[in-house]
Amino acid sequence: MSRALVLQALEERRVLRILYATGGMRMIQPHAIFRKPDGTEQLEAFQVQGFTESGIEHGWKNFDLSRLQQVELGEERFEPRRDFTRVSSAFGVVVAGVRTIDQRDG
């Protein structure tokens, strides 16, 4: 299940290779899953390479979890980005997030 892999990536701070409904493979750093008021879940991630509709390959993007067609857990790990800010309550409720440096074990 793709949601389980996304949760694992958040916990282990690992990149994901995804195939999204709009086409093309993308490599992303997942940072949070949030649930919108209508119940849909979105993945907030920083795209580091791959397909883009906007012409901007790198940057913050939101992906509807139900539209992820393929999800692969990458070997590469990442540190949470300094410019990451969780979505406000007006947009939805964060249900899972990347572990920050302060949350590491040991």
Protein backbone atom coordinates (compact mmCIF):
# COMPACT_ATOMS: atom_id res chain seq x y z
CA MET A 1 0.00 0.00 0.00
CA SER A 2 1.39 3.38 -0.94
CA ARG A 3 0.25 5.13 2.28
CA ALA A 4 2.27 2.67 4.38
CA LEU A 5 5.40 3.39 2.31
CA VAL A 6 4.83 7.13 2.67
CA LEU A 7 4.56 6.73 6.46
CA GLN A 8 7.77 4.67 6.49
CA ALA A 9 9.55 7.35 4.45
CA LEU A 10 8.40 10.03 6.89
CA GLU A 11 9.64 8.01 9.87
CA GLU A 12 13.00 7.14 8.29
CA ARG A 13 13.47 10.44 6.40
CA ARG A 14 13.91 8.63 3.07
CA VAL A 15 13.20 9.87 -0.43
CA LEU A 16 10.36 8.44 -2.47
CA ARG A 17 10.12 7.81 -6.19
CA ILE A 18 6.50 8.28 -7.19
CA LEU A 19 4.40 8.02 -10.30
CA TYR A 20 1.57 10.51 -9.96
CA ALA A 21 -1.70 10.44 -11.88
CA THR A 22 -0.65 13.39 -14.04
CA GLY A 23 2.31 11.42 -15.40
CA GLY A 24 6.04 10.94 -15.11
CA MET A 25 8.30 9.73 -12.32
CA ARG A 26 9.30 12.18 -9.60
CA MET A 27 11.74 11.98 -6.72
CA ILE A 28 10.46 13.68 -3.57
CA GLN A 29 11.36 14.31 0.06
CA PRO A 30 8.09 13.71 1.97
CA HIS A 31 7.49 16.04 4.92
CA ALA A 32 3.86 15.66 6.03
CA ILE A 33 0.48 14.07 5.38
CA PHE A 34 -2.45 16.31 6.10
CA ARG A 35 -6.17 15.66 5.94
CA LYS A 36 -8.25 18.35 4.28
CA PRO A 37 -11.68 19.29 5.64
CA ASP A 38 -13.30 17.15 2.90
CA GLY A 39 -11.39 14.08 4.19
CA THR A 40 -8.87 13.73 1.36
CA GLU A 41 -5.27 13.25 2.36
CA GLN A 42 -2.46 15.26 0.81
CA LEU A 43 1.27 14.63 0.91
CA GLU A 44 3.36 17.77 1.32
CA ALA A 45 6.78 17.13 -0.22
CA PHE A 46 9.80 18.82 -1.73
CA GLN A 47 10.39 17.56 -5.27
CA VAL A 48 14.09 17.15 -6.02
CA GLN A 49 13.84 15.83 -9.58
CA GLY A 50 11.58 14.37 -12.20
CA PHE A 51 8.42 15.13 -14.11
CA THR A 52 6.72 18.49 -13.73
CA GLU A 53 3.60 20.07 -15.17
CA SER A 54 4.55 23.58 -14.13
CA GLY A 55 8.03 23.56 -15.65
CA ILE A 56 9.54 23.99 -12.17
CA GLU A 57 11.27 20.73 -11.29
CA HIS A 58 12.38 21.59 -7.75
CA GLY A 59 10.11 22.91 -5.05
CA TRP A 60 7.29 22.34 -2.59
CA LYS A 61 4.34 20.41 -3.98
CA ASN A 62 1.24 18.73 -2.61
CA PHE A 63 0.14 15.34 -3.90
CA ASP A 64 -3.26 13.72 -3.36
CA LEU A 65 -2.45 10.33 -1.79
CA SER A 66 -5.26 8.65 -3.73
CA ARG A 67 -3.61 9.72 -7.01
CA LEU A 68 -0.23 8.09 -6.30
CA GLN A 69 -0.05 5.29 -8.86
CA GLN A 70 3.33 3.90 -7.84
CA VAL A 71 5.47 4.50 -4.75
CA GLU A 72 9.02 3.21 -4.23
CA LEU A 73 11.08 3.79 -1.11
CA GLY A 74 14.52 5.12 -2.03
CA GLU A 75 17.75 4.34 -0.22
CA GLU A 76 18.69 8.01 0.05
CA ARG A 77 17.97 9.80 3.32
CA PHE A 78 17.40 13.51 3.83
CA GLU A 79 17.27 16.06 6.61
CA PRO A 80 13.99 17.96 6.96
CA ARG A 81 14.22 21.19 5.00
CA ARG A 82 14.65 24.39 6.98
CA ASP A 83 11.97 26.11 4.89
CA PHE A 84 9.35 23.50 5.79
CA THR A 85 6.32 24.86 7.62
CA ARG A 86 3.40 22.60 8.38
CA VAL A 87 0.08 23.57 6.86
CA SER A 88 -2.21 25.70 8.97
CA SER A 89 -5.45 24.37 10.42
CA ALA A 90 -7.38 26.29 7.75
CA PHE A 91 -6.01 23.89 5.12
CA GLY A 92 -6.21 20.67 7.10
CA VAL A 93 -4.96 18.64 10.02
CA VAL A 94 -1.48 17.13 9.97
CA VAL A 95 -1.84 13.38 10.58
CA ALA A 96 1.82 12.39 10.10
CA GLY A 97 5.06 14.27 9.68
CA VAL A 98 8.74 13.80 9.03
CA ARG A 99 10.83 13.28 12.13
CA THR A 100 12.87 16.35 12.89
CA ILE A 101 16.40 16.37 14.27
CA ASP A 102 15.00 17.06 17.75
CA GLN A 103 12.83 13.93 17.54
CA ARG A 104 15.66 11.49 16.78
CA ASP A 105 16.37 8.64 19.15
CA GLY A 106 19.54 8.85 21.19
